[in-house]
Amino acid sequence: MSGSTRLVLASASPRRLQLLQQIGIEPDALKPADLDETPHKNEQPRALALRLAEEKARAVEAMLKSDERLAGSYILSADTVVAVGRRSLPKPTLAEEAHQCLTLLSGRTHKVFTGVAVVTPQGRLRSKLVQTRVRFKRLSHDIDPYIASGEWQGKAGGYAIQGIAGSFVVNLIGSYSSVVGLPLHETANLLQGEGYPLRMKWLGGVR
């Protein structure tokens, strides 16, 4: 198999893997990039999501240069940022952080930005930013039980829309899969636009 038909997902996220599999792609490897995700001074949420996606892709590209099997693969990365106004919410690891996020999101509309980046076998970088608007119900009696569930850990904004928190959503305008972690329409378009044989994968023509 030629390197140009291989794809490496620059993530260890089970949800991103499941979304890729949904559109008929089984990555040849999962290679998460270990980056500092702290926003730069005055960096806007949309810029943060796109920068991190691009930096993850480039970091994994550098990592694979010495890998005979995976060098020259397509590399796909993504990063999701939940924002209230110009404020980027964290991916909390502590219950207190998650409580603060959910209190802020309660009863209001927020934006979810997901940056997607592809590095081609020729080393070109292509990226796309997707914005989705999500409105939550008031969460006065829901926050403590949700935190007890543990589902929020490491999730942008302190919630996972594909889980229990789906019951919090009053309205969503944009891409649901983007809020989960990978906008499928845009991802497919980026890959196909750079020559990745997605439709052949569906037909079983490329392994």
N, C-alpha and C. Protein backbone atom coordinates (compact mmCIF):
# COMPACT_ATOMS: atom_id res chain seq x y z
N MET A 1 0.85 -1.20 0.00
CA MET A 1 0.00 0.00 0.00
C MET A 1 0.87 1.24 0.00
N SER A 2 0.56 2.17 -0.85
CA SER A 2 1.34 3.41 -0.91
C SER A 2 1.01 4.31 0.25
N GLY A 3 2.00 5.11 0.65
CA GLY A 3 1.79 6.01 1.78
C GLY A 3 0.65 6.97 1.56
N SER A 4 0.38 7.33 0.30
CA SER A 4 -0.63 8.34 0.02
C SER A 4 -2.04 7.88 0.35
N THR A 5 -2.24 6.58 0.61
CA THR A 5 -3.58 6.11 0.98
C THR A 5 -3.71 5.90 2.48
N ARG A 6 -2.64 6.13 3.22
CA ARG A 6 -2.70 5.99 4.67
C ARG A 6 -3.20 7.27 5.31
N LEU A 7 -3.84 7.12 6.47
CA LEU A 7 -4.30 8.29 7.22
C LEU A 7 -4.02 8.09 8.69
N VAL A 8 -3.43 9.10 9.30
CA VAL A 8 -3.13 9.09 10.73
C VAL A 8 -4.02 10.13 11.40
N LEU A 9 -4.72 9.72 12.42
CA LEU A 9 -5.53 10.64 13.21
C LEU A 9 -4.69 11.16 14.36
N ALA A 10 -4.47 12.47 14.39
CA ALA A 10 -3.63 13.09 15.41
C ALA A 10 -4.46 13.35 16.67
N SER A 11 -4.97 12.27 17.23
CA SER A 11 -5.84 12.38 18.40
C SER A 11 -5.98 11.01 19.04
N ALA A 12 -6.22 11.01 20.34
CA ALA A 12 -6.54 9.77 21.05
C ALA A 12 -8.01 9.75 21.44
N SER A 13 -8.79 10.68 20.90
CA SER A 13 -10.19 10.83 21.30
C SER A 13 -11.05 9.71 20.72
N PRO A 14 -11.71 8.92 21.57
CA PRO A 14 -12.60 7.86 21.06
C PRO A 14 -13.74 8.43 20.22
N ARG A 15 -14.23 9.62 20.58
CA ARG A 15 -15.35 10.18 19.82
C ARG A 15 -14.92 10.61 18.42
N ARG A 16 -13.71 11.14 18.27
CA ARG A 16 -13.25 11.51 16.93
C ARG A 16 -13.02 10.26 16.08
N LEU A 17 -12.50 9.21 16.69
CA LEU A 17 -12.33 7.96 15.97
C LEU A 17 -13.68 7.42 15.50
N GLN A 18 -14.67 7.44 16.36
CA GLN A 18 -15.99 6.94 15.99
C GLN A 18 -16.61 7.77 14.87
N LEU A 19 -16.40 9.08 14.90
CA LEU A 19 -16.94 9.93 13.84
C LEU A 19 -16.26 9.63 12.51
N LEU A 20 -14.94 9.44 12.52
CA LEU A 20 -14.25 9.08 11.29
C LEU A 20 -14.77 7.75 10.74
N GLN A 21 -14.95 6.79 11.63
CA GLN A 21 -15.47 5.49 11.21
C GLN A 21 -16.87 5.62 10.62
N GLN A 22 -17.63 6.58 11.12
CA GLN A 22 -18.99 6.81 10.61
C GLN A 22 -19.00 7.15 9.13
N ILE A 23 -17.94 7.86 8.66
CA ILE A 23 -17.89 8.21 7.24
C ILE A 23 -16.95 7.27 6.46
N GLY A 24 -16.73 6.08 7.02
CA GLY A 24 -16.04 5.05 6.27
C GLY A 24 -14.54 5.09 6.31
N ILE A 25 -13.96 5.79 7.29
CA ILE A 25 -12.50 5.87 7.39
C ILE A 25 -12.02 5.17 8.64
N GLU A 26 -11.13 4.21 8.46
CA GLU A 26 -10.46 3.55 9.58
C GLU A 26 -9.01 4.01 9.57
N PRO A 27 -8.61 4.89 10.50
CA PRO A 27 -7.23 5.39 10.48
C PRO A 27 -6.21 4.26 10.60
N ASP A 28 -5.07 4.46 9.98
CA ASP A 28 -4.00 3.48 10.08
C ASP A 28 -3.26 3.58 11.40
N ALA A 29 -3.39 4.72 12.07
CA ALA A 29 -2.76 4.90 13.38
C ALA A 29 -3.39 6.09 14.09
N LEU A 30 -3.32 6.05 15.41
CA LEU A 30 -3.73 7.17 16.26
C LEU A 30 -2.47 7.71 16.90
N LYS A 31 -2.17 8.97 16.65
CA LYS A 31 -0.94 9.58 17.16
C LYS A 31 -1.28 10.94 17.78
N PRO A 32 -1.67 10.98 19.03
CA PRO A 32 -2.00 12.26 19.66
C PRO A 32 -0.77 13.15 19.79
N ALA A 33 -0.99 14.44 19.62
CA ALA A 33 0.08 15.43 19.77
C ALA A 33 0.01 16.01 21.17
N ASP A 34 1.12 16.07 21.84
CA ASP A 34 1.18 16.60 23.20
C ASP A 34 1.56 18.07 23.14
N LEU A 35 0.54 18.93 23.15
CA LEU A 35 0.77 20.37 23.02
C LEU A 35 0.24 21.11 24.25
N ASP A 36 0.83 22.26 24.52
CA ASP A 36 0.30 23.19 25.50
C ASP A 36 -0.87 23.92 24.84
N GLU A 37 -2.08 23.73 25.37
CA GLU A 37 -3.27 24.30 24.75
C GLU A 37 -3.68 25.63 25.37
N THR A 38 -2.79 26.24 26.15
CA THR A 38 -3.09 27.53 26.76
C THR A 38 -3.25 28.60 25.68
N PRO A 39 -4.33 29.37 25.73
CA PRO A 39 -4.49 30.44 24.73
C PRO A 39 -3.37 31.48 24.84
N HIS A 40 -2.99 32.03 23.70
CA HIS A 40 -2.05 33.14 23.71
C HIS A 40 -2.75 34.39 24.25
N LYS A 41 -1.98 35.36 24.65
CA LYS A 41 -2.55 36.60 25.17
C LYS A 41 -3.47 37.22 24.13
N ASN A 42 -4.69 37.53 24.54
CA ASN A 42 -5.72 38.16 23.69
C ASN A 42 -6.14 37.30 22.51
N GLU A 43 -5.82 35.99 22.53
CA GLU A 43 -6.22 35.12 21.43
C GLU A 43 -7.71 34.81 21.50
N GLN A 44 -8.41 35.01 20.39
CA GLN A 44 -9.85 34.76 20.34
C GLN A 44 -10.11 33.25 20.24
N PRO A 45 -11.28 32.79 20.71
CA PRO A 45 -11.58 31.36 20.68
C PRO A 45 -11.48 30.73 19.30
N ARG A 46 -11.96 31.42 18.26
CA ARG A 46 -11.92 30.85 16.91
C ARG A 46 -10.47 30.70 16.43
N ALA A 47 -9.64 31.67 16.77
CA ALA A 47 -8.23 31.59 16.39
C ALA A 47 -7.52 30.48 17.15
N LEU A 48 -7.89 30.29 18.41
CA LEU A 48 -7.30 29.23 19.23
C LEU A 48 -7.61 27.85 18.66
N ALA A 49 -8.86 27.61 18.30
CA ALA A 49 -9.25 26.30 17.77
C ALA A 49 -8.50 25.98 16.49
N LEU A 50 -8.39 26.96 15.60
CA LEU A 50 -7.71 26.72 14.33
C LEU A 50 -6.21 26.53 14.53
N ARG A 51 -5.61 27.36 15.39
CA ARG A 51 -4.17 27.25 15.63
C ARG A 51 -3.82 25.88 16.22
N LEU A 52 -4.58 25.44 17.21
CA LEU A 52 -4.26 24.17 17.84
C LEU A 52 -4.42 23.00 16.87
N ALA A 53 -5.45 23.05 16.03
CA ALA A 53 -5.62 21.99 15.04
C ALA A 53 -4.43 21.94 14.10
N GLU A 54 -3.99 23.10 13.63
CA GLU A 54 -2.87 23.15 12.69
C GLU A 54 -1.56 22.71 13.37
N GLU A 55 -1.35 23.16 14.61
CA GLU A 55 -0.13 22.79 15.32
C GLU A 55 -0.08 21.30 15.63
N LYS A 56 -1.22 20.72 15.94
CA LYS A 56 -1.27 19.28 16.18
C LYS A 56 -0.88 18.51 14.92
N ALA A 57 -1.41 18.94 13.79
CA ALA A 57 -1.11 18.25 12.53
C ALA A 57 0.38 18.33 12.21
N ARG A 58 0.96 19.51 12.36
CA ARG A 58 2.38 19.69 12.07
C ARG A 58 3.25 18.91 13.07
N ALA A 59 2.84 18.87 14.33
CA ALA A 59 3.61 18.15 15.34
C ALA A 59 3.65 16.66 15.03
N VAL A 60 2.53 16.11 14.60
CA VAL A 60 2.49 14.68 14.26
C VAL A 60 3.25 14.42 12.96
N GLU A 61 3.18 15.36 12.02
CA GLU A 61 3.98 15.23 10.79
C GLU A 61 5.46 15.07 11.14
N ALA A 62 5.95 15.92 12.03
CA ALA A 62 7.36 15.85 12.45
C ALA A 62 7.66 14.54 13.16
N MET A 63 6.72 14.07 13.95
CA MET A 63 6.88 12.83 14.69
C MET A 63 7.02 11.62 13.75
N LEU A 64 6.34 11.68 12.61
CA LEU A 64 6.30 10.53 11.71
C LEU A 64 7.42 10.50 10.69
N LYS A 65 8.23 11.53 10.64
CA LYS A 65 9.28 11.57 9.61
C LYS A 65 10.24 10.39 9.69
N SER A 66 10.43 9.87 10.87
CA SER A 66 11.35 8.75 11.04
C SER A 66 10.63 7.39 11.07
N ASP A 67 9.34 7.41 10.79
CA ASP A 67 8.55 6.18 10.81
C ASP A 67 8.40 5.68 9.38
N GLU A 68 9.06 4.59 9.04
CA GLU A 68 9.05 4.11 7.67
C GLU A 68 7.64 3.74 7.18
N ARG A 69 6.82 3.24 8.07
CA ARG A 69 5.48 2.80 7.67
C ARG A 69 4.52 3.97 7.47
N LEU A 70 4.64 5.00 8.32
CA LEU A 70 3.63 6.06 8.32
C LEU A 70 4.10 7.38 7.71
N ALA A 71 5.39 7.53 7.46
CA ALA A 71 5.86 8.76 6.82
C ALA A 71 5.17 8.90 5.46
N GLY A 72 4.72 10.10 5.16
CA GLY A 72 4.02 10.33 3.90
C GLY A 72 2.54 10.04 3.95
N SER A 73 2.00 9.83 5.15
CA SER A 73 0.56 9.63 5.30
C SER A 73 -0.18 10.97 5.31
N TYR A 74 -1.47 10.92 5.05
CA TYR A 74 -2.33 12.05 5.38
C TYR A 74 -2.42 12.12 6.90
N ILE A 75 -2.41 13.33 7.43
CA ILE A 75 -2.55 13.53 8.87
C ILE A 75 -3.76 14.41 9.11
N LEU A 76 -4.66 13.95 9.95
CA LEU A 76 -5.88 14.68 10.26
C LEU A 76 -5.90 15.03 11.74
N SER A 77 -6.16 16.30 12.03
CA SER A 77 -6.24 16.73 13.43
C SER A 77 -7.42 17.67 13.61
N ALA A 78 -7.83 17.85 14.86
CA ALA A 78 -8.93 18.76 15.16
C ALA A 78 -8.79 19.25 16.59
N ASP A 79 -9.39 20.41 16.84
CA ASP A 79 -9.46 20.91 18.21
C ASP A 79 -10.77 21.68 18.38
N THR A 80 -11.40 21.47 19.51
CA THR A 80 -12.70 22.10 19.78
C THR A 80 -12.60 23.05 20.96
N VAL A 81 -13.15 24.24 20.78
CA VAL A 81 -13.14 25.27 21.82
C VAL A 81 -14.59 25.74 22.05
N VAL A 82 -15.02 25.72 23.29
CA VAL A 82 -16.32 26.26 23.67
C VAL A 82 -16.11 27.68 24.17
N ALA A 83 -16.92 28.60 23.67
CA ALA A 83 -16.70 30.01 23.97
C ALA A 83 -17.98 30.71 24.43
N VAL A 84 -17.81 31.57 25.40
CA VAL A 84 -18.87 32.50 25.81
C VAL A 84 -18.33 33.89 25.55
N GLY A 85 -18.88 34.56 24.56
CA GLY A 85 -18.32 35.83 24.13
C GLY A 85 -16.92 35.61 23.61
N ARG A 86 -15.96 36.36 24.14
CA ARG A 86 -14.57 36.20 23.72
C ARG A 86 -13.78 35.28 24.65
N ARG A 87 -14.46 34.66 25.56
CA ARG A 87 -13.81 33.82 26.56
C ARG A 87 -13.81 32.36 26.12
N SER A 88 -12.63 31.75 26.07
CA SER A 88 -12.51 30.33 25.79
C SER A 88 -12.62 29.56 27.10
N LEU A 89 -13.56 28.63 27.16
CA LEU A 89 -13.70 27.83 28.38
C LEU A 89 -12.70 26.69 28.37
N PRO A 90 -12.29 26.24 29.55
CA PRO A 90 -11.27 25.18 29.62
C PRO A 90 -11.85 23.80 29.31
N LYS A 91 -10.95 22.82 29.26
CA LYS A 91 -11.32 21.40 29.23
C LYS A 91 -11.04 20.89 30.64
N PRO A 92 -12.02 21.02 31.53
CA PRO A 92 -11.74 20.87 32.96
C PRO A 92 -11.32 19.46 33.36
N THR A 93 -10.42 19.42 34.33
CA THR A 93 -10.02 18.17 34.95
C THR A 93 -10.47 18.13 36.41
N LEU A 94 -10.93 19.28 36.91
CA LEU A 94 -11.40 19.38 38.29
C LEU A 94 -12.89 19.69 38.30
N ALA A 95 -13.60 19.13 39.27
CA ALA A 95 -15.04 19.33 39.37
C ALA A 95 -15.40 20.81 39.52
N GLU A 96 -14.57 21.53 40.26
CA GLU A 96 -14.84 22.96 40.46
C GLU A 96 -14.82 23.72 39.13
N GLU A 97 -13.86 23.38 38.27
CA GLU A 97 -13.79 24.02 36.94
C GLU A 97 -15.03 23.70 36.13
N ALA A 98 -15.43 22.44 36.16
CA ALA A 98 -16.61 22.02 35.40
C ALA A 98 -17.86 22.74 35.89
N HIS A 99 -17.96 22.89 37.20
CA HIS A 99 -19.12 23.59 37.79
C HIS A 99 -19.17 25.03 37.30
N GLN A 100 -18.01 25.68 37.25
CA GLN A 100 -17.95 27.07 36.78
C GLN A 100 -18.39 27.15 35.31
N CYS A 101 -17.92 26.22 34.50
CA CYS A 101 -18.29 26.22 33.08
C CYS A 101 -19.80 26.06 32.91
N LEU A 102 -20.37 25.08 33.57
CA LEU A 102 -21.79 24.78 33.41
C LEU A 102 -22.66 25.91 33.96
N THR A 103 -22.22 26.53 35.03
CA THR A 103 -22.96 27.67 35.57
C THR A 103 -22.97 28.81 34.55
N LEU A 104 -21.86 29.00 33.87
CA LEU A 104 -21.76 30.05 32.86
C LEU A 104 -22.63 29.74 31.64
N LEU A 105 -22.73 28.47 31.27
CA LEU A 105 -23.49 28.06 30.08
C LEU A 105 -24.99 27.96 30.34
N SER A 106 -25.37 27.87 31.58
CA SER A 106 -26.77 27.66 31.95
C SER A 106 -27.69 28.73 31.39
N GLY A 107 -28.71 28.31 30.65
CA GLY A 107 -29.75 29.22 30.16
C GLY A 107 -29.32 30.20 29.10
N ARG A 108 -28.19 29.96 28.45
CA ARG A 108 -27.73 30.92 27.46
C ARG A 108 -27.17 30.21 26.23
N THR A 109 -26.95 31.01 25.19
CA THR A 109 -26.37 30.50 23.96
C THR A 109 -24.86 30.69 23.98
N HIS A 110 -24.15 29.67 23.55
CA HIS A 110 -22.69 29.78 23.44
C HIS A 110 -22.27 29.29 22.06
N LYS A 111 -21.02 29.50 21.74
CA LYS A 111 -20.48 29.08 20.45
C LYS A 111 -19.47 27.96 20.66
N VAL A 112 -19.46 27.04 19.72
CA VAL A 112 -18.48 25.96 19.71
C VAL A 112 -17.70 26.06 18.40
N PHE A 113 -16.40 26.24 18.52
CA PHE A 113 -15.52 26.33 17.35
C PHE A 113 -14.69 25.05 17.26
N THR A 114 -14.71 24.43 16.10
CA THR A 114 -13.82 23.29 15.87
C THR A 114 -12.94 23.58 14.66
N GLY A 115 -11.64 23.54 14.88
CA GLY A 115 -10.69 23.66 13.79
C GLY A 115 -10.32 22.27 13.31
N VAL A 116 -10.27 22.09 11.99
CA VAL A 116 -9.86 20.82 11.39
C VAL A 116 -8.67 21.11 10.48
N ALA A 117 -7.65 20.28 10.56
CA ALA A 117 -6.46 20.48 9.72
C ALA A 117 -6.04 19.16 9.09
N VAL A 118 -5.57 19.25 7.85
CA VAL A 118 -5.05 18.09 7.13
C VAL A 118 -3.67 18.44 6.60
N VAL A 119 -2.70 17.58 6.86
CA VAL A 119 -1.40 17.65 6.20
C VAL A 119 -1.36 16.54 5.16
N THR A 120 -1.05 16.88 3.92
CA THR A 120 -1.04 15.92 2.82
C THR A 120 0.30 15.18 2.77
N PRO A 121 0.36 14.10 1.99
CA PRO A 121 1.64 13.39 1.83
C PRO A 121 2.74 14.28 1.25
N GLN A 122 2.36 15.35 0.55
CA GLN A 122 3.34 16.29 -0.01
C GLN A 122 3.70 17.40 0.97
N GLY A 123 3.09 17.39 2.17
CA GLY A 123 3.42 18.37 3.19
C GLY A 123 2.59 19.63 3.17
N ARG A 124 1.54 19.67 2.34
CA ARG A 124 0.65 20.85 2.33
C ARG A 124 -0.25 20.81 3.56
N LEU A 125 -0.51 21.99 4.11
CA LEU A 125 -1.43 22.11 5.24
C LEU A 125 -2.70 22.80 4.79
N ARG A 126 -3.83 22.16 5.01
CA ARG A 126 -5.13 22.75 4.72
C ARG A 126 -5.96 22.72 5.99
N SER A 127 -6.72 23.76 6.25
CA SER A 127 -7.50 23.79 7.48
C SER A 127 -8.84 24.49 7.26
N LYS A 128 -9.74 24.26 8.20
CA LYS A 128 -11.09 24.82 8.14
C LYS A 128 -11.59 25.03 9.56
N LEU A 129 -12.30 26.13 9.76
CA LEU A 129 -12.91 26.41 11.06
C LEU A 129 -14.43 26.31 10.92
N VAL A 130 -15.04 25.62 11.86
CA VAL A 130 -16.49 25.44 11.85
C VAL A 130 -17.08 26.01 13.13
N GLN A 131 -18.13 26.81 12.99
CA GLN A 131 -18.78 27.44 14.14
C GLN A 131 -20.19 26.89 14.30
N THR A 132 -20.55 26.53 15.52
CA THR A 132 -21.90 26.07 15.84
C THR A 132 -22.40 26.84 17.05
N ARG A 133 -23.67 27.20 17.02
CA ARG A 133 -24.30 27.89 18.16
C ARG A 133 -25.16 26.89 18.92
N VAL A 134 -24.98 26.85 20.23
CA VAL A 134 -25.71 25.90 21.08
C VAL A 134 -26.37 26.66 22.22
N ARG A 135 -27.64 26.39 22.45
CA ARG A 135 -28.34 27.02 23.58
C ARG A 135 -28.69 25.95 24.60
N PHE A 136 -28.33 26.22 25.86
CA PHE A 136 -28.63 25.31 26.97
C PHE A 136 -29.88 25.78 27.71
N LYS A 137 -30.60 24.82 28.28
CA LYS A 137 -31.65 25.16 29.23
C LYS A 137 -31.02 25.64 30.53
N ARG A 138 -31.83 26.11 31.44
CA ARG A 138 -31.31 26.46 32.76
C ARG A 138 -30.96 25.17 33.51
N LEU A 139 -29.79 25.17 34.12
CA LEU A 139 -29.25 23.94 34.69
C LEU A 139 -29.23 23.91 36.21
N SER A 140 -30.09 24.69 36.84
CA SER A 140 -30.00 24.86 38.29
C SER A 140 -29.98 23.53 39.06
N HIS A 141 -30.81 22.56 38.66
CA HIS A 141 -30.87 21.29 39.38
C HIS A 141 -30.10 20.18 38.68
N ASP A 142 -29.43 20.50 37.60
CA ASP A 142 -28.75 19.49 36.81
C ASP A 142 -27.24 19.45 37.01
N ILE A 143 -26.67 20.57 37.46
CA ILE A 143 -25.21 20.68 37.47
C ILE A 143 -24.55 19.66 38.40
N ASP A 144 -24.99 19.57 39.64
CA ASP A 144 -24.34 18.67 40.59
C ASP A 144 -24.46 17.21 40.18
N PRO A 145 -25.64 16.73 39.77
CA PRO A 145 -25.71 15.34 39.31
C PRO A 145 -24.87 15.08 38.07
N TYR A 146 -24.80 16.08 37.17
CA TYR A 146 -23.98 15.89 35.97
C TYR A 146 -22.50 15.78 36.33
N ILE A 147 -22.06 16.61 37.24
CA ILE A 147 -20.66 16.55 37.67
C ILE A 147 -20.37 15.20 38.34
N ALA A 148 -21.33 14.70 39.09
CA ALA A 148 -21.16 13.40 39.73
C ALA A 148 -21.00 12.28 38.72
N SER A 149 -21.56 12.48 37.52
CA SER A 149 -21.46 11.44 36.48
C SER A 149 -20.04 11.28 35.95
N GLY A 150 -19.24 12.35 36.06
CA GLY A 150 -17.87 12.31 35.56
C GLY A 150 -17.73 12.48 34.07
N GLU A 151 -18.84 12.62 33.36
CA GLU A 151 -18.81 12.70 31.90
C GLU A 151 -18.07 13.93 31.38
N TRP A 152 -17.99 14.95 32.17
CA TRP A 152 -17.43 16.25 31.78
C TRP A 152 -15.91 16.26 31.70
N GLN A 153 -15.24 15.27 32.27
CA GLN A 153 -13.79 15.33 32.43
C GLN A 153 -13.05 15.44 31.11
N GLY A 154 -12.27 16.51 30.98
CA GLY A 154 -11.47 16.73 29.78
C GLY A 154 -12.23 17.17 28.56
N LYS A 155 -13.53 17.48 28.72
CA LYS A 155 -14.35 17.89 27.58
C LYS A 155 -14.38 19.42 27.49
N ALA A 156 -14.30 19.94 26.28
CA ALA A 156 -14.34 21.39 26.07
C ALA A 156 -15.62 21.96 26.67
N GLY A 157 -15.46 22.98 27.52
CA GLY A 157 -16.61 23.61 28.14
C GLY A 157 -17.22 22.81 29.27
N GLY A 158 -16.67 21.64 29.56
CA GLY A 158 -17.18 20.84 30.67
C GLY A 158 -18.40 20.00 30.35
N TYR A 159 -18.62 19.69 29.07
CA TYR A 159 -19.76 18.82 28.75
C TYR A 159 -19.50 18.04 27.47
N ALA A 160 -20.21 16.91 27.35
CA ALA A 160 -20.14 16.07 26.15
C ALA A 160 -21.55 15.97 25.58
N ILE A 161 -21.79 16.62 24.44
CA ILE A 161 -23.13 16.70 23.87
C ILE A 161 -23.66 15.33 23.46
N GLN A 162 -22.75 14.38 23.15
CA GLN A 162 -23.19 13.06 22.71
C GLN A 162 -23.62 12.18 23.87
N GLY A 163 -23.50 12.70 25.10
CA GLY A 163 -23.89 11.94 26.28
C GLY A 163 -25.08 12.56 26.99
N ILE A 164 -25.02 12.51 28.31
CA ILE A 164 -26.10 13.03 29.14
C ILE A 164 -26.42 14.49 28.82
N ALA A 165 -25.37 15.28 28.53
CA ALA A 165 -25.55 16.71 28.29
C ALA A 165 -26.37 17.00 27.04
N GLY A 166 -26.62 15.99 26.21
CA GLY A 166 -27.53 16.20 25.08
C GLY A 166 -28.91 16.64 25.54
N SER A 167 -29.28 16.28 26.77
CA SER A 167 -30.58 16.67 27.31
C SER A 167 -30.63 18.13 27.74
N PHE A 168 -29.46 18.79 27.75
CA PHE A 168 -29.42 20.20 28.12
C PHE A 168 -29.70 21.12 26.93
N VAL A 169 -29.59 20.59 25.73
CA VAL A 169 -29.60 21.42 24.52
C VAL A 169 -31.02 21.77 24.09
N VAL A 170 -31.32 23.06 24.11
CA VAL A 170 -32.61 23.57 23.66
C VAL A 170 -32.60 23.79 22.16
N ASN A 171 -31.47 24.26 21.65
CA ASN A 171 -31.38 24.59 20.22
C ASN A 171 -29.93 24.48 19.77
N LEU A 172 -29.74 24.06 18.53
CA LEU A 172 -28.40 23.96 17.96
C LEU A 172 -28.47 24.41 16.51
N ILE A 173 -27.60 25.36 16.16
CA ILE A 173 -27.54 25.86 14.78
C ILE A 173 -26.13 25.62 14.27
N GLY A 174 -26.01 24.71 13.31
CA GLY A 174 -24.69 24.39 12.77
C GLY A 174 -24.48 22.90 12.72
N SER A 175 -23.27 22.47 13.01
CA SER A 175 -22.86 21.07 12.88
C SER A 175 -22.85 20.36 14.22
N TYR A 176 -23.72 19.37 14.37
CA TYR A 176 -23.72 18.57 15.60
C TYR A 176 -22.41 17.81 15.76
N SER A 177 -21.93 17.20 14.66
CA SER A 177 -20.69 16.41 14.76
C SER A 177 -19.50 17.29 15.13
N SER A 178 -19.55 18.57 14.76
CA SER A 178 -18.48 19.49 15.14
C SER A 178 -18.44 19.68 16.65
N VAL A 179 -19.61 19.75 17.28
CA VAL A 179 -19.66 19.90 18.74
C VAL A 179 -19.15 18.63 19.42
N VAL A 180 -19.42 17.49 18.81
CA VAL A 180 -18.88 16.23 19.35
C VAL A 180 -17.36 16.21 19.25
N GLY A 181 -16.82 16.83 18.16
CA GLY A 181 -15.37 16.91 18.06
C GLY A 181 -14.79 16.88 16.67
N LEU A 182 -15.64 16.59 15.63
CA LEU A 182 -15.11 16.52 14.28
C LEU A 182 -16.25 16.78 13.28
N PRO A 183 -16.24 17.94 12.60
CA PRO A 183 -17.29 18.24 11.63
C PRO A 183 -17.14 17.36 10.39
N LEU A 184 -18.07 16.45 10.18
CA LEU A 184 -17.90 15.42 9.16
C LEU A 184 -17.94 15.96 7.74
N HIS A 185 -18.84 16.88 7.46
CA HIS A 185 -18.92 17.44 6.10
C HIS A 185 -17.61 18.12 5.73
N GLU A 186 -17.13 18.96 6.59
CA GLU A 186 -15.90 19.71 6.30
C GLU A 186 -14.68 18.79 6.26
N THR A 187 -14.65 17.80 7.13
CA THR A 187 -13.53 16.85 7.14
C THR A 187 -13.47 16.07 5.83
N ALA A 188 -14.61 15.57 5.40
CA ALA A 188 -14.66 14.82 4.14
C ALA A 188 -14.24 15.70 2.96
N ASN A 189 -14.70 16.94 2.96
CA ASN A 189 -14.35 17.86 1.86
C ASN A 189 -12.86 18.16 1.84
N LEU A 190 -12.28 18.39 3.03
CA LEU A 190 -10.84 18.67 3.09
C LEU A 190 -10.03 17.50 2.55
N LEU A 191 -10.37 16.31 3.00
CA LEU A 191 -9.62 15.12 2.58
C LEU A 191 -9.77 14.86 1.08
N GLN A 192 -10.99 14.91 0.60
CA GLN A 192 -11.22 14.64 -0.82
C GLN A 192 -10.60 15.72 -1.70
N GLY A 193 -10.64 16.96 -1.22
CA GLY A 193 -10.05 18.06 -1.98
C GLY A 193 -8.54 17.92 -2.13
N GLU A 194 -7.91 17.17 -1.23
CA GLU A 194 -6.47 16.94 -1.29
C GLU A 194 -6.11 15.55 -1.83
N GLY A 195 -7.10 14.90 -2.42
CA GLY A 195 -6.82 13.65 -3.12
C GLY A 195 -6.95 12.38 -2.30
N TYR A 196 -7.44 12.46 -1.07
CA TYR A 196 -7.63 11.25 -0.29
C TYR A 196 -8.80 10.45 -0.87
N PRO A 197 -8.63 9.13 -1.11
CA PRO A 197 -9.63 8.34 -1.84
C PRO A 197 -10.79 7.89 -0.96
N LEU A 198 -11.56 8.83 -0.45
CA LEU A 198 -12.63 8.51 0.49
C LEU A 198 -13.67 7.58 -0.12
N ARG A 199 -14.14 7.90 -1.31
CA ARG A 199 -15.19 7.09 -1.92
C ARG A 199 -14.68 5.68 -2.24
N MET A 200 -13.41 5.55 -2.58
CA MET A 200 -12.84 4.23 -2.82
C MET A 200 -12.80 3.43 -1.52
N LYS A 201 -12.61 4.11 -0.40
CA LYS A 201 -12.66 3.43 0.88
C LYS A 201 -14.05 2.81 1.10
N TRP A 202 -15.09 3.58 0.71
CA TRP A 202 -16.45 3.06 0.88
C TRP A 202 -16.64 1.80 0.06
N LEU A 203 -16.05 1.78 -1.13
CA LEU A 203 -16.21 0.64 -2.04
C LEU A 203 -15.30 -0.54 -1.69
N GLY A 204 -14.40 -0.30 -0.77
CA GLY A 204 -13.45 -1.35 -0.42
C GLY A 204 -12.30 -1.46 -1.38
N GLY A 205 -12.12 -0.42 -2.21
CA GLY A 205 -11.08 -0.47 -3.24
C GLY A 205 -9.70 -0.15 -2.73
N VAL A 206 -9.60 0.47 -1.55
CA VAL A 206 -8.30 0.79 -0.96
C VAL A 206 -8.28 0.28 0.47
N ARG A 207 -7.27 -0.47 0.82
CA ARG A 207 -7.18 -1.02 2.20
C ARG A 207 -6.06 -0.32 2.95
